[in-house]
Amino acid sequence: MRDCPLCNLNLKKEKVFYEDDFIVILRTKKLKKHQERIMVVWKEHYTNIPDAQFYYAMMKLIDVGKKAFNYTPKFIIMDGTFQTIKHHFHLVASDLDPASEDFDLILKTQWLEVIGTELEGI
């Protein structure tokens, strides 16, 4: 869509962690005083995507998040309740830094997943 900021991302100017034919995982525009904040964006302009694609996007975000958030024991993936862009599917993952600008809002948001970053078996 012409007016959609997620459709019009210039990936050459973004910190991209992962990209394939369907999704891109990149740093959010505003870190809001987090050390890291990332999102998965479905490349085609959809508000909602089928369950299989949703779980694919979630699993890739978790895989990338375990590396991107290696400085903290846990990170979360939030639902879209307070997203600024509501008309293009994306999910945001964040650390849980109480000093961040949006910590109170994070606590008010439903979490889809809480992920530990510890290496398994250690």
C-alpha atoms as a PDB file:
ATOM      1  CA  MET A   1       0.000   0.000   0.000  1.00  0.00           C
ATOM      2  CA  ARG A   2       1.259   3.415  -0.883  1.00  0.00           C
ATOM      3  CA  ASP A   3       0.748   5.054   2.531  1.00  0.00           C
ATOM      4  CA  CYS A   4       1.814   2.122   4.705  1.00  0.00           C
ATOM      5  CA  PRO A   5       5.136   2.748   6.503  1.00  0.00           C
ATOM      6  CA  LEU A   6       5.794  -0.994   6.800  1.00  0.00           C
ATOM      7  CA  CYS A   7       5.205  -1.585   3.079  1.00  0.00           C
ATOM      8  CA  ASN A   8       7.560   1.300   2.328  1.00  0.00           C
ATOM      9  CA  LEU A   9      10.484   0.296   4.538  1.00  0.00           C
ATOM     10  CA  ASN A  10      13.868   0.951   2.975  1.00  0.00           C
ATOM     11  CA  LEU A  11      15.640  -2.145   4.265  1.00  0.00           C
ATOM     12  CA  LYS A  12      19.028  -0.781   3.179  1.00  0.00           C
ATOM     13  CA  LYS A  13      18.648   1.858   5.893  1.00  0.00           C
ATOM     14  CA  GLU A  14      17.410  -0.535   8.601  1.00  0.00           C
ATOM     15  CA  LYS A  15      19.152  -2.940  10.956  1.00  0.00           C
ATOM     16  CA  VAL A  16      17.877  -6.230   9.467  1.00  0.00           C
ATOM     17  CA  PHE A  17      18.394  -9.413  11.477  1.00  0.00           C
ATOM     18  CA  TYR A  18      16.648 -11.844   9.121  1.00  0.00           C
ATOM     19  CA  GLU A  19      14.820 -11.774   5.797  1.00  0.00           C
ATOM     20  CA  ASP A  20      13.202 -14.329   3.513  1.00  0.00           C
ATOM     21  CA  ASP A  21      10.465 -14.266   0.875  1.00  0.00           C
ATOM     22  CA  PHE A  22       7.691 -13.805   3.470  1.00  0.00           C
ATOM     23  CA  ILE A  23       9.019 -11.855   6.448  1.00  0.00           C
ATOM     24  CA  VAL A  24      11.676  -9.446   7.563  1.00  0.00           C
ATOM     25  CA  ILE A  25      12.921  -9.118  11.153  1.00  0.00           C
ATOM     26  CA  LEU A  26      14.425  -5.747  11.926  1.00  0.00           C
ATOM     27  CA  ARG A  27      15.086  -3.224  14.663  1.00  0.00           C
ATOM     28  CA  THR A  28      12.107  -1.003  15.440  1.00  0.00           C
ATOM     29  CA  LYS A  29      12.389   2.676  14.463  1.00  0.00           C
ATOM     30  CA  LYS A  30      12.183   3.775  18.097  1.00  0.00           C
ATOM     31  CA  LEU A  31      14.112   1.876  20.756  1.00  0.00           C
ATOM     32  CA  LYS A  32      12.329   3.768  23.556  1.00  0.00           C
ATOM     33  CA  LYS A  33      15.474   3.483  25.717  1.00  0.00           C
ATOM     34  CA  HIS A  34      15.664  -0.302  25.304  1.00  0.00           C
ATOM     35  CA  GLN A  35      19.028  -1.763  24.414  1.00  0.00           C
ATOM     36  CA  GLU A  36      17.229  -3.667  21.659  1.00  0.00           C
ATOM     37  CA  ARG A  37      13.698  -3.839  20.277  1.00  0.00           C
ATOM     38  CA  ILE A  38      12.869  -5.876  17.174  1.00  0.00           C
ATOM     39  CA  MET A  39       9.852  -6.725  15.074  1.00  0.00           C
ATOM     40  CA  VAL A  40       8.775  -9.236  12.484  1.00  0.00           C
ATOM     41  CA  VAL A  41       6.906  -7.756   9.521  1.00  0.00           C
ATOM     42  CA  TRP A  42       4.935  -9.772   6.990  1.00  0.00           C
ATOM     43  CA  LYS A  43       6.137  -8.474   3.625  1.00  0.00           C
ATOM     44  CA  GLU A  44       2.741  -8.488   1.931  1.00  0.00           C
ATOM     45  CA  HIS A  45       0.207  -5.976   3.164  1.00  0.00           C
ATOM     46  CA  TYR A  46      -2.187  -7.915   5.385  1.00  0.00           C
ATOM     47  CA  THR A  47      -3.829  -6.904   8.636  1.00  0.00           C
ATOM     48  CA  ASN A  48      -4.231 -10.533   9.680  1.00  0.00           C
ATOM     49  CA  ILE A  49      -2.481 -13.645   8.441  1.00  0.00           C
ATOM     50  CA  PRO A  50      -3.485 -17.327   8.667  1.00  0.00           C
ATOM     51  CA  ASP A  51      -2.429 -19.322  11.730  1.00  0.00           C
ATOM     52  CA  ALA A  52       0.336 -21.236   9.940  1.00  0.00           C
ATOM     53  CA  GLN A  53       1.982 -18.002   8.794  1.00  0.00           C
ATOM     54  CA  PHE A  54       1.479 -16.436  12.228  1.00  0.00           C
ATOM     55  CA  TYR A  55       3.307 -19.320  13.932  1.00  0.00           C
ATOM     56  CA  TYR A  56       6.040 -19.214  11.306  1.00  0.00           C
ATOM     57  CA  ALA A  57       6.577 -15.487  11.996  1.00  0.00           C
ATOM     58  CA  MET A  58       6.539 -16.118  15.770  1.00  0.00           C
ATOM     59  CA  MET A  59       9.089 -18.966  15.567  1.00  0.00           C
ATOM     60  CA  LYS A  60      11.462 -16.908  13.425  1.00  0.00           C
ATOM     61  CA  LEU A  61      11.098 -13.940  15.791  1.00  0.00           C
ATOM     62  CA  ILE A  62      11.899 -16.208  18.750  1.00  0.00           C
ATOM     63  CA  ASP A  63      14.973 -17.647  16.990  1.00  0.00           C
ATOM     64  CA  VAL A  64      16.312 -14.204  16.104  1.00  0.00           C
ATOM     65  CA  GLY A  65      15.298 -12.770  19.487  1.00  0.00           C
ATOM     66  CA  LYS A  66      17.382 -15.321  21.400  1.00  0.00           C
ATOM     67  CA  LYS A  67      20.460 -13.830  19.746  1.00  0.00           C
ATOM     68  CA  ALA A  68      19.368 -10.179  19.698  1.00  0.00           C
ATOM     69  CA  PHE A  69      18.396 -10.252  23.395  1.00  0.00           C
ATOM     70  CA  ASN A  70      21.397 -12.279  24.595  1.00  0.00           C
ATOM     71  CA  TYR A  71      22.145  -9.537  27.154  1.00  0.00           C
ATOM     72  CA  THR A  72      19.015 -10.274  29.209  1.00  0.00           C
ATOM     73  CA  PRO A  73      17.562 -13.491  30.661  1.00  0.00           C
ATOM     74  CA  LYS A  74      14.128 -13.029  29.051  1.00  0.00           C
ATOM     75  CA  PHE A  75      12.331 -11.119  26.339  1.00  0.00           C
ATOM     76  CA  ILE A  76       8.675 -10.871  25.389  1.00  0.00           C
ATOM     77  CA  ILE A  77       6.592 -10.806  22.244  1.00  0.00           C
ATOM     78  CA  MET A  78       3.600  -8.500  22.594  1.00  0.00           C
ATOM     79  CA  ASP A  79       0.183  -8.492  20.994  1.00  0.00           C
ATOM     80  CA  GLY A  80      -0.803  -5.511  18.867  1.00  0.00           C
ATOM     81  CA  THR A  81      -3.114  -3.734  21.306  1.00  0.00           C
ATOM     82  CA  PHE A  82      -1.024  -0.562  21.481  1.00  0.00           C
ATOM     83  CA  GLN A  83       0.697  -0.740  18.081  1.00  0.00           C
ATOM     84  CA  THR A  84       0.933   2.529  16.212  1.00  0.00           C
ATOM     85  CA  ILE A  85       0.533   0.792  12.837  1.00  0.00           C
ATOM     86  CA  LYS A  86      -2.543  -1.409  13.032  1.00  0.00           C
ATOM     87  CA  HIS A  87      -3.198  -2.062   9.339  1.00  0.00           C
ATOM     88  CA  HIS A  88      -0.098  -4.166   8.531  1.00  0.00           C
ATOM     89  CA  PHE A  89       0.749  -7.411  10.342  1.00  0.00           C
ATOM     90  CA  HIS A  90       3.791  -7.178  12.577  1.00  0.00           C
ATOM     91  CA  LEU A  91       4.818  -8.287  16.053  1.00  0.00           C
ATOM     92  CA  VAL A  92       7.224  -6.520  18.391  1.00  0.00           C
ATOM     93  CA  ALA A  93       9.679  -8.231  20.733  1.00  0.00           C
ATOM     94  CA  SER A  94      11.229  -6.328  23.614  1.00  0.00           C
ATOM     95  CA  ASP A  95      13.354  -6.713  26.686  1.00  0.00           C
ATOM     96  CA  LEU A  96      11.786  -5.881  30.056  1.00  0.00           C
ATOM     97  CA  ASP A  97      13.853  -2.876  31.089  1.00  0.00           C
ATOM     98  CA  PRO A  98      12.087  -0.902  33.860  1.00  0.00           C
ATOM     99  CA  ALA A  99      14.023   2.214  32.785  1.00  0.00           C
ATOM    100  CA  SER A 100      12.573   2.158  29.258  1.00  0.00           C
ATOM    101  CA  GLU A 101      10.121   4.821  28.099  1.00  0.00           C
ATOM    102  CA  ASP A 102       7.327   2.321  27.539  1.00  0.00           C
ATOM    103  CA  PHE A 103       7.734  -0.052  30.484  1.00  0.00           C
ATOM    104  CA  ASP A 104       4.315   0.809  31.971  1.00  0.00           C
ATOM    105  CA  LEU A 105       2.680   0.243  28.588  1.00  0.00           C
ATOM    106  CA  ILE A 106       4.499  -3.095  28.200  1.00  0.00           C
ATOM    107  CA  LEU A 107       3.041  -4.184  31.542  1.00  0.00           C
ATOM    108  CA  LYS A 108      -0.464  -3.253  30.305  1.00  0.00           C
ATOM    109  CA  THR A 109      -0.030  -5.162  27.027  1.00  0.00           C
ATOM    110  CA  GLN A 110      -0.907  -8.826  26.651  1.00  0.00           C
ATOM    111  CA  TRP A 111       2.220 -10.885  26.099  1.00  0.00           C
ATOM    112  CA  LEU A 112       1.991 -13.584  23.467  1.00  0.00           C
ATOM    113  CA  GLU A 113       5.172 -15.253  24.618  1.00  0.00           C
ATOM    114  CA  VAL A 114       7.898 -14.921  27.254  1.00  0.00           C
ATOM    115  CA  ILE A 115      11.159 -16.409  26.018  1.00  0.00           C
ATOM    116  CA  GLY A 116      14.263 -17.290  27.985  1.00  0.00           C
ATOM    117  CA  THR A 117      17.564 -16.547  26.305  1.00  0.00           C
ATOM    118  CA  GLU A 118      19.648 -18.972  28.369  1.00  0.00           C
ATOM    119  CA  LEU A 119      21.407 -21.702  26.460  1.00  0.00           C
ATOM    120  CA  GLU A 120      19.661 -25.025  27.030  1.00  0.00           C
ATOM    121  CA  GLY A 121      21.514 -27.584  29.111  1.00  0.00           C
ATOM    122  CA  ILE A 122      23.793 -25.068  30.835  1.00  0.00           C
END
